[in-house]
């Protein structure tokens, strides 16, 4: 189950960035058929290769496994900004987010 997800996710990321299997393989420093070997179910990337793939696409491993995050760099920038907020600012931000999401939910209905 996870093996298929990993292969599909790598392939989706590759296509989102308009890269051929050949180009991604070379960009990662592997032989020209490396990514094709992954997507054709012959191999899986090693842990270090997996981390290199995440770094290449500028996503964390968590973001790799959560494809619902549509813009990982923006998501990470927002998270980093949130980490710098005081407790009072976090409470305020929480209230604003609840207001926005409740308004969005009521509009969609």
N, C-alpha and C. Protein backbone atom coordinates (compact mmCIF):
# COMPACT_ATOMS: atom_id res chain seq x y z
N UNK A 1 0.82 -1.19 0.00
CA UNK A 1 0.00 0.00 0.00
C UNK A 1 0.87 1.26 0.00
N UNK A 2 1.81 1.36 0.93
CA UNK A 2 2.67 2.54 0.99
C UNK A 2 3.59 2.61 -0.22
N UNK A 3 4.02 1.47 -0.69
CA UNK A 3 4.91 1.46 -1.85
C UNK A 3 4.23 2.12 -3.05
N UNK A 4 2.97 1.77 -3.29
CA UNK A 4 2.23 2.37 -4.41
C UNK A 4 2.06 3.87 -4.21
N UNK A 5 1.75 4.28 -2.97
CA UNK A 5 1.57 5.70 -2.69
C UNK A 5 2.86 6.46 -3.00
N UNK A 6 4.00 5.93 -2.54
CA UNK A 6 5.28 6.60 -2.75
C UNK A 6 5.56 6.75 -4.24
N UNK A 7 5.36 5.68 -4.98
CA UNK A 7 5.59 5.75 -6.43
C UNK A 7 4.68 6.77 -7.10
N UNK A 8 3.40 6.74 -6.75
CA UNK A 8 2.44 7.67 -7.35
C UNK A 8 2.74 9.11 -6.96
N UNK A 9 3.13 9.32 -5.72
CA UNK A 9 3.41 10.68 -5.25
C UNK A 9 4.63 11.25 -5.96
N UNK A 10 5.67 10.45 -6.11
CA UNK A 10 6.86 10.91 -6.85
C UNK A 10 6.47 11.26 -8.28
N UNK A 11 5.68 10.40 -8.89
CA UNK A 11 5.26 10.65 -10.26
C UNK A 11 4.41 11.91 -10.36
N UNK A 12 3.49 12.12 -9.42
CA UNK A 12 2.66 13.32 -9.43
C UNK A 12 3.48 14.58 -9.23
N UNK A 13 4.42 14.54 -8.30
CA UNK A 13 5.29 15.70 -8.08
C UNK A 13 6.10 16.01 -9.34
N UNK A 14 6.61 14.95 -9.95
CA UNK A 14 7.39 15.11 -11.17
C UNK A 14 6.54 15.79 -12.25
N UNK A 15 5.32 15.33 -12.43
CA UNK A 15 4.45 15.90 -13.46
C UNK A 15 4.03 17.32 -13.12
N UNK A 16 3.79 17.62 -11.83
CA UNK A 16 3.43 18.98 -11.42
C UNK A 16 4.53 19.96 -11.76
N UNK A 17 5.78 19.48 -11.72
CA UNK A 17 6.91 20.35 -12.01
C UNK A 17 7.36 20.23 -13.48
N UNK A 18 6.55 19.52 -14.27
CA UNK A 18 6.83 19.40 -15.70
C UNK A 18 8.21 18.80 -15.98
N UNK A 19 8.54 17.74 -15.26
CA UNK A 19 9.83 17.08 -15.43
C UNK A 19 9.65 15.69 -16.03
N UNK A 20 10.55 15.32 -16.88
CA UNK A 20 10.55 13.94 -17.37
C UNK A 20 11.21 13.05 -16.31
N UNK A 21 10.94 11.76 -16.40
CA UNK A 21 11.62 10.82 -15.49
C UNK A 21 13.13 10.93 -15.66
N UNK A 22 13.55 11.05 -16.90
CA UNK A 22 14.97 11.17 -17.23
C UNK A 22 15.59 12.39 -16.55
N UNK A 23 14.93 13.56 -16.70
CA UNK A 23 15.47 14.80 -16.14
C UNK A 23 15.52 14.75 -14.62
N UNK A 24 14.47 14.25 -13.98
CA UNK A 24 14.46 14.15 -12.53
C UNK A 24 15.56 13.22 -12.05
N UNK A 25 15.75 12.11 -12.72
CA UNK A 25 16.82 11.18 -12.36
C UNK A 25 18.17 11.88 -12.38
N UNK A 26 18.42 12.60 -13.45
CA UNK A 26 19.71 13.30 -13.58
C UNK A 26 19.84 14.42 -12.55
N UNK A 27 18.76 15.17 -12.33
CA UNK A 27 18.80 16.26 -11.35
C UNK A 27 19.11 15.73 -9.94
N UNK A 28 18.65 14.52 -9.67
CA UNK A 28 18.91 13.92 -8.35
C UNK A 28 20.28 13.25 -8.28
N UNK A 29 21.00 13.21 -9.40
CA UNK A 29 22.34 12.64 -9.42
C UNK A 29 22.35 11.12 -9.59
N UNK A 30 21.32 10.60 -10.18
CA UNK A 30 21.23 9.15 -10.41
C UNK A 30 21.31 8.85 -11.90
N UNK A 31 21.32 7.57 -12.23
CA UNK A 31 21.34 7.18 -13.63
C UNK A 31 20.03 7.61 -14.29
N UNK A 32 20.05 7.69 -15.60
CA UNK A 32 18.91 8.24 -16.34
C UNK A 32 17.62 7.45 -16.15
N UNK A 33 17.68 6.18 -15.77
CA UNK A 33 16.49 5.38 -15.61
C UNK A 33 16.05 5.20 -14.17
N UNK A 34 16.64 5.95 -13.24
CA UNK A 34 16.35 5.76 -11.81
C UNK A 34 14.87 5.97 -11.48
N UNK A 35 14.31 7.11 -11.86
CA UNK A 35 12.91 7.41 -11.53
C UNK A 35 11.99 6.44 -12.26
N UNK A 36 12.32 6.08 -13.49
CA UNK A 36 11.51 5.12 -14.22
C UNK A 36 11.52 3.77 -13.50
N UNK A 37 12.62 3.40 -12.88
CA UNK A 37 12.69 2.16 -12.11
C UNK A 37 11.78 2.21 -10.89
N UNK A 38 11.63 3.39 -10.31
CA UNK A 38 10.73 3.55 -9.16
C UNK A 38 9.29 3.48 -9.62
N UNK A 39 8.94 4.25 -10.63
CA UNK A 39 7.54 4.31 -11.06
C UNK A 39 7.07 3.01 -11.72
N UNK A 40 7.98 2.22 -12.23
CA UNK A 40 7.60 0.94 -12.85
C UNK A 40 7.65 -0.21 -11.85
N UNK A 41 7.76 0.11 -10.57
CA UNK A 41 7.67 -0.86 -9.47
C UNK A 41 8.86 -1.83 -9.39
N UNK A 42 10.00 -1.46 -9.94
CA UNK A 42 11.18 -2.32 -9.81
C UNK A 42 11.94 -2.06 -8.52
N UNK A 43 11.97 -0.79 -8.10
CA UNK A 43 12.70 -0.44 -6.87
C UNK A 43 11.91 0.62 -6.11
N UNK A 44 12.31 0.84 -4.87
CA UNK A 44 11.86 1.98 -4.08
C UNK A 44 13.09 2.80 -3.72
N UNK A 45 12.92 4.10 -3.53
CA UNK A 45 14.09 4.90 -3.14
C UNK A 45 14.55 4.53 -1.73
N UNK A 46 15.85 4.61 -1.51
CA UNK A 46 16.38 4.44 -0.16
C UNK A 46 15.91 5.62 0.69
N UNK A 47 16.13 5.53 1.98
CA UNK A 47 15.73 6.63 2.85
C UNK A 47 16.47 7.91 2.46
N UNK A 48 17.75 7.81 2.19
CA UNK A 48 18.50 9.02 1.82
C UNK A 48 18.02 9.56 0.47
N UNK A 49 17.69 8.68 -0.47
CA UNK A 49 17.18 9.13 -1.76
C UNK A 49 15.79 9.76 -1.59
N UNK A 50 14.98 9.19 -0.71
CA UNK A 50 13.66 9.76 -0.43
C UNK A 50 13.81 11.18 0.11
N UNK A 51 14.74 11.37 1.05
CA UNK A 51 14.96 12.71 1.60
C UNK A 51 15.48 13.67 0.54
N UNK A 52 16.32 13.18 -0.37
CA UNK A 52 16.80 14.01 -1.47
C UNK A 52 15.65 14.43 -2.38
N UNK A 53 14.70 13.52 -2.61
CA UNK A 53 13.54 13.83 -3.43
C UNK A 53 12.70 14.91 -2.76
N UNK A 54 12.49 14.76 -1.46
CA UNK A 54 11.75 15.80 -0.73
C UNK A 54 12.45 17.14 -0.81
N UNK A 55 13.76 17.13 -0.62
CA UNK A 55 14.53 18.38 -0.69
C UNK A 55 14.45 18.98 -2.09
N UNK A 56 14.53 18.14 -3.09
CA UNK A 56 14.46 18.62 -4.48
C UNK A 56 13.15 19.36 -4.73
N UNK A 57 12.04 18.81 -4.24
CA UNK A 57 10.74 19.42 -4.45
C UNK A 57 10.39 20.45 -3.37
N UNK A 58 11.34 20.71 -2.47
CA UNK A 58 11.18 21.70 -1.40
C UNK A 58 9.96 21.40 -0.53
N UNK A 59 9.84 20.13 -0.14
CA UNK A 59 8.78 19.71 0.76
C UNK A 59 9.39 18.88 1.88
N UNK A 60 8.71 18.83 2.99
CA UNK A 60 9.14 17.99 4.10
C UNK A 60 8.59 16.59 3.87
N UNK A 61 9.15 15.59 4.54
CA UNK A 61 8.56 14.25 4.44
C UNK A 61 7.08 14.23 4.83
N UNK A 62 6.72 15.03 5.83
CA UNK A 62 5.31 15.12 6.22
C UNK A 62 4.46 15.63 5.06
N UNK A 63 4.94 16.64 4.36
CA UNK A 63 4.21 17.18 3.22
C UNK A 63 4.16 16.19 2.06
N UNK A 64 5.20 15.38 1.94
CA UNK A 64 5.20 14.34 0.91
C UNK A 64 4.03 13.40 1.11
N UNK A 65 3.79 13.03 2.37
CA UNK A 65 2.73 12.07 2.67
C UNK A 65 1.36 12.73 2.85
N UNK A 66 1.29 14.05 2.70
CA UNK A 66 0.01 14.75 2.79
C UNK A 66 -0.21 15.56 1.51
N UNK A 67 -0.68 14.91 0.45
CA UNK A 67 -0.84 15.61 -0.82
C UNK A 67 -1.94 16.67 -0.81
N UNK A 68 -2.69 16.78 0.28
CA UNK A 68 -3.73 17.81 0.34
C UNK A 68 -3.14 19.20 0.49
N UNK A 69 -1.86 19.29 0.85
CA UNK A 69 -1.19 20.59 0.95
C UNK A 69 -0.81 21.00 -0.47
N UNK A 70 -1.55 21.96 -1.00
CA UNK A 70 -1.38 22.31 -2.41
C UNK A 70 -0.15 23.17 -2.69
N UNK A 71 0.30 23.94 -1.72
CA UNK A 71 1.45 24.82 -1.92
C UNK A 71 2.39 24.65 -0.73
N UNK A 72 3.18 23.56 -0.71
CA UNK A 72 4.03 23.29 0.46
C UNK A 72 4.97 24.43 0.87
N UNK A 73 5.65 25.13 -0.07
CA UNK A 73 6.52 26.22 0.39
C UNK A 73 5.75 27.34 1.11
N UNK A 74 4.57 27.70 0.60
CA UNK A 74 3.76 28.72 1.26
C UNK A 74 3.28 28.22 2.61
N UNK A 75 2.83 26.98 2.66
CA UNK A 75 2.38 26.37 3.91
C UNK A 75 3.51 26.42 4.94
N UNK A 76 4.71 26.06 4.55
CA UNK A 76 5.85 26.07 5.47
C UNK A 76 6.20 27.48 5.91
N UNK A 77 6.10 28.46 5.03
CA UNK A 77 6.38 29.85 5.39
C UNK A 77 5.38 30.34 6.44
N UNK A 78 4.11 29.98 6.26
CA UNK A 78 3.08 30.37 7.23
C UNK A 78 3.36 29.71 8.58
N UNK A 79 3.69 28.44 8.57
CA UNK A 79 4.01 27.72 9.82
C UNK A 79 5.19 28.39 10.53
N UNK A 80 6.21 28.75 9.76
CA UNK A 80 7.38 29.41 10.36
C UNK A 80 7.01 30.75 10.98
N UNK A 81 6.13 31.49 10.31
CA UNK A 81 5.67 32.77 10.86
C UNK A 81 4.87 32.55 12.14
N UNK A 82 4.02 31.54 12.14
CA UNK A 82 3.20 31.25 13.32
C UNK A 82 4.08 30.91 14.53
N UNK A 83 5.17 30.24 14.30
CA UNK A 83 6.06 29.85 15.39
C UNK A 83 6.65 31.04 16.13
N UNK A 84 6.68 32.20 15.48
CA UNK A 84 7.27 33.39 16.10
C UNK A 84 6.27 34.21 16.91
N UNK A 85 4.99 33.84 16.85
CA UNK A 85 3.96 34.63 17.52
C UNK A 85 3.93 34.41 19.03
N UNK A 86 3.52 35.44 19.74
CA UNK A 86 3.33 35.32 21.18
C UNK A 86 2.05 34.52 21.44
N UNK A 87 1.85 34.12 22.68
CA UNK A 87 0.65 33.36 23.02
C UNK A 87 -0.62 34.16 22.74
N UNK A 88 -0.60 35.44 23.07
CA UNK A 88 -1.77 36.29 22.80
C UNK A 88 -2.06 36.39 21.30
N UNK A 89 -1.01 36.54 20.52
CA UNK A 89 -1.19 36.61 19.07
C UNK A 89 -1.69 35.28 18.51
N UNK A 90 -1.22 34.17 19.09
CA UNK A 90 -1.72 32.86 18.66
C UNK A 90 -3.21 32.71 18.94
N UNK A 91 -3.64 33.18 20.10
CA UNK A 91 -5.06 33.13 20.44
C UNK A 91 -5.88 33.98 19.47
N UNK A 92 -5.37 35.15 19.16
CA UNK A 92 -6.05 36.02 18.21
C UNK A 92 -6.11 35.37 16.82
N UNK A 93 -5.00 34.82 16.39
CA UNK A 93 -4.97 34.14 15.10
C UNK A 93 -5.95 32.97 15.07
N UNK A 94 -6.03 32.24 16.15
CA UNK A 94 -6.96 31.12 16.24
C UNK A 94 -8.40 31.59 16.07
N UNK A 95 -8.73 32.69 16.71
CA UNK A 95 -10.08 33.25 16.57
C UNK A 95 -10.37 33.69 15.13
N UNK A 96 -9.40 34.32 14.52
CA UNK A 96 -9.56 34.77 13.14
C UNK A 96 -9.74 33.57 12.22
N UNK A 97 -8.94 32.54 12.40
CA UNK A 97 -9.06 31.34 11.56
C UNK A 97 -10.41 30.66 11.75
N UNK A 98 -10.88 30.60 12.97
CA UNK A 98 -12.19 30.00 13.22
C UNK A 98 -13.28 30.82 12.52
N UNK A 99 -13.15 32.11 12.56
CA UNK A 99 -14.12 32.99 11.91
C UNK A 99 -14.09 32.78 10.39
N UNK A 100 -12.91 32.73 9.83
CA UNK A 100 -12.77 32.54 8.38
C UNK A 100 -13.32 31.19 7.95
N UNK A 101 -12.96 30.14 8.67
CA UNK A 101 -13.42 28.81 8.28
C UNK A 101 -14.91 28.63 8.49
N UNK A 102 -15.46 29.24 9.52
CA UNK A 102 -16.91 29.12 9.73
C UNK A 102 -17.67 29.91 8.66
N UNK A 103 -17.13 31.03 8.25
CA UNK A 103 -17.75 31.83 7.19
C UNK A 103 -17.68 31.07 5.87
N UNK A 104 -16.53 30.46 5.61
CA UNK A 104 -16.36 29.67 4.37
C UNK A 104 -17.32 28.50 4.34
N UNK A 105 -17.47 27.84 5.49
CA UNK A 105 -18.36 26.68 5.56
C UNK A 105 -19.81 27.08 5.31
N UNK A 106 -20.21 28.20 5.88
CA UNK A 106 -21.61 28.63 5.71
C UNK A 106 -21.88 29.10 4.28
N UNK A 107 -20.88 29.65 3.63
CA UNK A 107 -21.03 30.11 2.23
C UNK A 107 -21.16 28.91 1.30
N UNK A 108 -20.40 27.84 1.56
CA UNK A 108 -20.42 26.65 0.71
C UNK A 108 -21.74 25.90 0.79
N UNK A 109 -22.48 26.05 1.89
CA UNK A 109 -23.74 25.30 2.06
C UNK A 109 -24.81 25.89 1.27
